C-alpha atoms as a PDB file:
ATOM      1  CA  UNK A   1      72.748  55.254 133.150  1.00  0.00           C
ATOM      2  CA  UNK A   2      70.971  52.604 131.129  1.00  0.00           C
ATOM      3  CA  UNK A   3      67.239  52.730 131.712  1.00  0.00           C
ATOM      4  CA  UNK A   4      65.413  49.484 132.482  1.00  0.00           C
ATOM      5  CA  UNK A   5      62.363  48.591 130.390  1.00  0.00           C
ATOM      6  CA  UNK A   6      60.099  48.401 133.416  1.00  0.00           C
ATOM      7  CA  UNK A   7      61.709  48.984 136.811  1.00  0.00           C
ATOM      8  CA  UNK A   8      58.551  47.923 138.682  1.00  0.00           C
ATOM      9  CA  UNK A   9      58.703  44.259 139.714  1.00  0.00           C
ATOM     10  CA  UNK A  10      55.386  43.999 141.510  1.00  0.00           C
ATOM     11  CA  UNK A  11      52.972  45.289 144.119  1.00  0.00           C
ATOM     12  CA  UNK A  12      53.556  44.712 147.832  1.00  0.00           C
ATOM     13  CA  UNK A  13      50.435  43.643 149.721  1.00  0.00           C
ATOM     14  CA  UNK A  14      51.325  43.960 153.391  1.00  0.00           C
ATOM     15  CA  UNK A  15      49.325  45.178 156.355  1.00  0.00           C
ATOM     16  CA  UNK A  16      51.131  48.523 156.357  1.00  0.00           C
ATOM     17  CA  UNK A  17      50.743  48.930 152.574  1.00  0.00           C
ATOM     18  CA  UNK A  18      47.013  48.245 152.821  1.00  0.00           C
ATOM     19  CA  UNK A  19      46.595  50.915 155.509  1.00  0.00           C
ATOM     20  CA  UNK A  20      48.576  53.441 153.452  1.00  0.00           C
ATOM     21  CA  UNK A  21      46.497  52.802 150.339  1.00  0.00           C
ATOM     22  CA  UNK A  22      43.239  53.252 152.228  1.00  0.00           C
ATOM     23  CA  UNK A  23      44.072  56.345 154.272  1.00  0.00           C
ATOM     24  CA  UNK A  24      46.775  58.280 152.416  1.00  0.00           C
ATOM     25  CA  UNK A  25      46.319  57.085 148.811  1.00  0.00           C
ATOM     26  CA  UNK A  26      49.858  55.643 148.807  1.00  0.00           C
ATOM     27  CA  UNK A  27      50.738  52.388 147.056  1.00  0.00           C
ATOM     28  CA  UNK A  28      53.812  50.235 147.662  1.00  0.00           C
ATOM     29  CA  UNK A  29      55.754  48.569 144.852  1.00  0.00           C
ATOM     30  CA  UNK A  30      58.818  46.352 144.685  1.00  0.00           C
ATOM     31  CA  UNK A  31      61.267  47.867 142.168  1.00  0.00           C
ATOM     32  CA  UNK A  32      64.646  47.121 140.595  1.00  0.00           C
ATOM     33  CA  UNK A  33      67.415  48.207 143.034  1.00  0.00           C
ATOM     34  CA  UNK A  34      69.202  50.294 140.388  1.00  0.00           C
ATOM     35  CA  UNK A  35      66.082  52.310 139.441  1.00  0.00           C
ATOM     36  CA  UNK A  36      65.801  55.938 140.503  1.00  0.00           C
ATOM     37  CA  UNK A  37      62.675  57.966 141.297  1.00  0.00           C
ATOM     38  CA  UNK A  38      62.413  59.467 137.810  1.00  0.00           C
ATOM     39  CA  UNK A  39      62.441  56.048 136.129  1.00  0.00           C
ATOM     40  CA  UNK A  40      59.880  54.694 138.601  1.00  0.00           C
ATOM     41  CA  UNK A  41      57.592  57.718 138.069  1.00  0.00           C
ATOM     42  CA  UNK A  42      57.719  57.412 134.261  1.00  0.00           C
ATOM     43  CA  UNK A  43      57.014  53.680 134.346  1.00  0.00           C
ATOM     44  CA  UNK A  44      54.054  53.978 136.731  1.00  0.00           C
ATOM     45  CA  UNK A  45      52.493  56.899 134.843  1.00  0.00           C
ATOM     46  CA  UNK A  46      52.873  54.950 131.587  1.00  0.00           C
ATOM     47  CA  UNK A  47      51.430  51.686 132.945  1.00  0.00           C
ATOM     48  CA  UNK A  48      48.557  53.033 135.076  1.00  0.00           C
ATOM     49  CA  UNK A  49      47.868  56.373 133.315  1.00  0.00           C
ATOM     50  CA  UNK A  50      47.660  58.145 136.690  1.00  0.00           C
ATOM     51  CA  UNK A  51      49.376  61.293 137.986  1.00  0.00           C
ATOM     52  CA  UNK A  52      52.100  60.555 140.574  1.00  0.00           C
ATOM     53  CA  UNK A  53      52.567  63.266 143.225  1.00  0.00           C
ATOM     54  CA  UNK A  54      55.538  61.872 145.162  1.00  0.00           C
ATOM     55  CA  UNK A  55      57.769  58.812 145.418  1.00  0.00           C
ATOM     56  CA  UNK A  56      59.635  57.629 148.515  1.00  0.00           C
ATOM     57  CA  UNK A  57      62.169  54.827 148.073  1.00  0.00           C
ATOM     58  CA  UNK A  58      63.854  52.533 150.584  1.00  0.00           C
ATOM     59  CA  UNK A  59      66.598  49.959 150.190  1.00  0.00           C
ATOM     60  CA  UNK A  60      65.773  46.780 152.092  1.00  0.00           C
ATOM     61  CA  UNK A  61      68.446  44.297 153.061  1.00  0.00           C
ATOM     62  CA  UNK A  62      67.889  40.618 152.327  1.00  0.00           C
ATOM     63  CA  UNK A  63      67.118  38.305 155.209  1.00  0.00           C
ATOM     64  CA  UNK A  64      69.588  35.787 156.542  1.00  0.00           C
ATOM     65  CA  UNK A  65      68.420  32.243 155.778  1.00  0.00           C
ATOM     66  CA  UNK A  66      69.726  28.893 157.023  1.00  0.00           C
ATOM     67  CA  UNK A  67      69.993  25.798 154.870  1.00  0.00           C
ATOM     68  CA  UNK A  68      68.508  23.030 157.021  1.00  0.00           C
ATOM     69  CA  UNK A  69      70.394  20.266 155.248  1.00  0.00           C
ATOM     70  CA  UNK A  70      73.938  21.677 155.542  1.00  0.00           C
ATOM     71  CA  UNK A  71      73.276  24.056 158.477  1.00  0.00           C
ATOM     72  CA  UNK A  72      75.024  26.902 156.621  1.00  0.00           C
ATOM     73  CA  UNK A  73      73.731  30.428 156.349  1.00  0.00           C
ATOM     74  CA  UNK A  74      73.043  32.359 153.181  1.00  0.00           C
ATOM     75  CA  UNK A  75      71.280  35.576 152.312  1.00  0.00           C
ATOM     76  CA  UNK A  76      68.287  36.577 150.270  1.00  0.00           C
ATOM     77  CA  UNK A  77      68.961  39.300 147.713  1.00  0.00           C
ATOM     78  CA  UNK A  78      68.769  42.968 148.706  1.00  0.00           C
ATOM     79  CA  UNK A  79      65.771  44.757 147.204  1.00  0.00           C
ATOM     80  CA  UNK A  80      64.182  48.175 146.908  1.00  0.00           C
ATOM     81  CA  UNK A  81      60.646  49.369 147.552  1.00  0.00           C
ATOM     82  CA  UNK A  82      58.894  52.490 146.367  1.00  0.00           C
ATOM     83  CA  UNK A  83      55.965  54.132 148.152  1.00  0.00           C
ATOM     84  CA  UNK A  84      54.039  56.106 145.541  1.00  0.00           C
ATOM     85  CA  UNK A  85      51.573  58.882 146.394  1.00  0.00           C
ATOM     86  CA  UNK A  86      48.808  59.572 143.876  1.00  0.00           C
ATOM     87  CA  UNK A  87      46.643  62.670 143.656  1.00  0.00           C
ATOM     88  CA  UNK A  88      43.610  62.747 145.948  1.00  0.00           C
ATOM     89  CA  UNK A  89      40.908  61.478 143.582  1.00  0.00           C
ATOM     90  CA  UNK A  90      42.856  58.770 141.730  1.00  0.00           C
ATOM     91  CA  UNK A  91      42.816  55.153 142.908  1.00  0.00           C
ATOM     92  CA  UNK A  92      44.482  51.987 141.633  1.00  0.00           C
ATOM     93  CA  UNK A  93      42.411  48.822 141.246  1.00  0.00           C
ATOM     94  CA  UNK A  94      44.506  45.648 141.363  1.00  0.00           C
ATOM     95  CA  UNK A  95      41.531  43.265 141.266  1.00  0.00           C
ATOM     96  CA  UNK A  96      41.105  43.554 137.498  1.00  0.00           C
END
């Protein structure tokens, strides 16, 4: 399988993700749908220089959207999220 340069597309800032980062030291990222856990782990350890303990992934289906002009329905693209657990003392700072 061809490895993507950086499978991480961005950080998800939701209410649930904020609670996970505060209590369980887990951070949520939006990733390329074809990326596997090994590729995600390597990319995050390279970018943030932190030790990753575990990665949970979930495939999310795109929402159904209606075009108000033509009244036809379409879909947003399917996407994948990764919930990454870091070791107990390490934190990520996204403010800088």
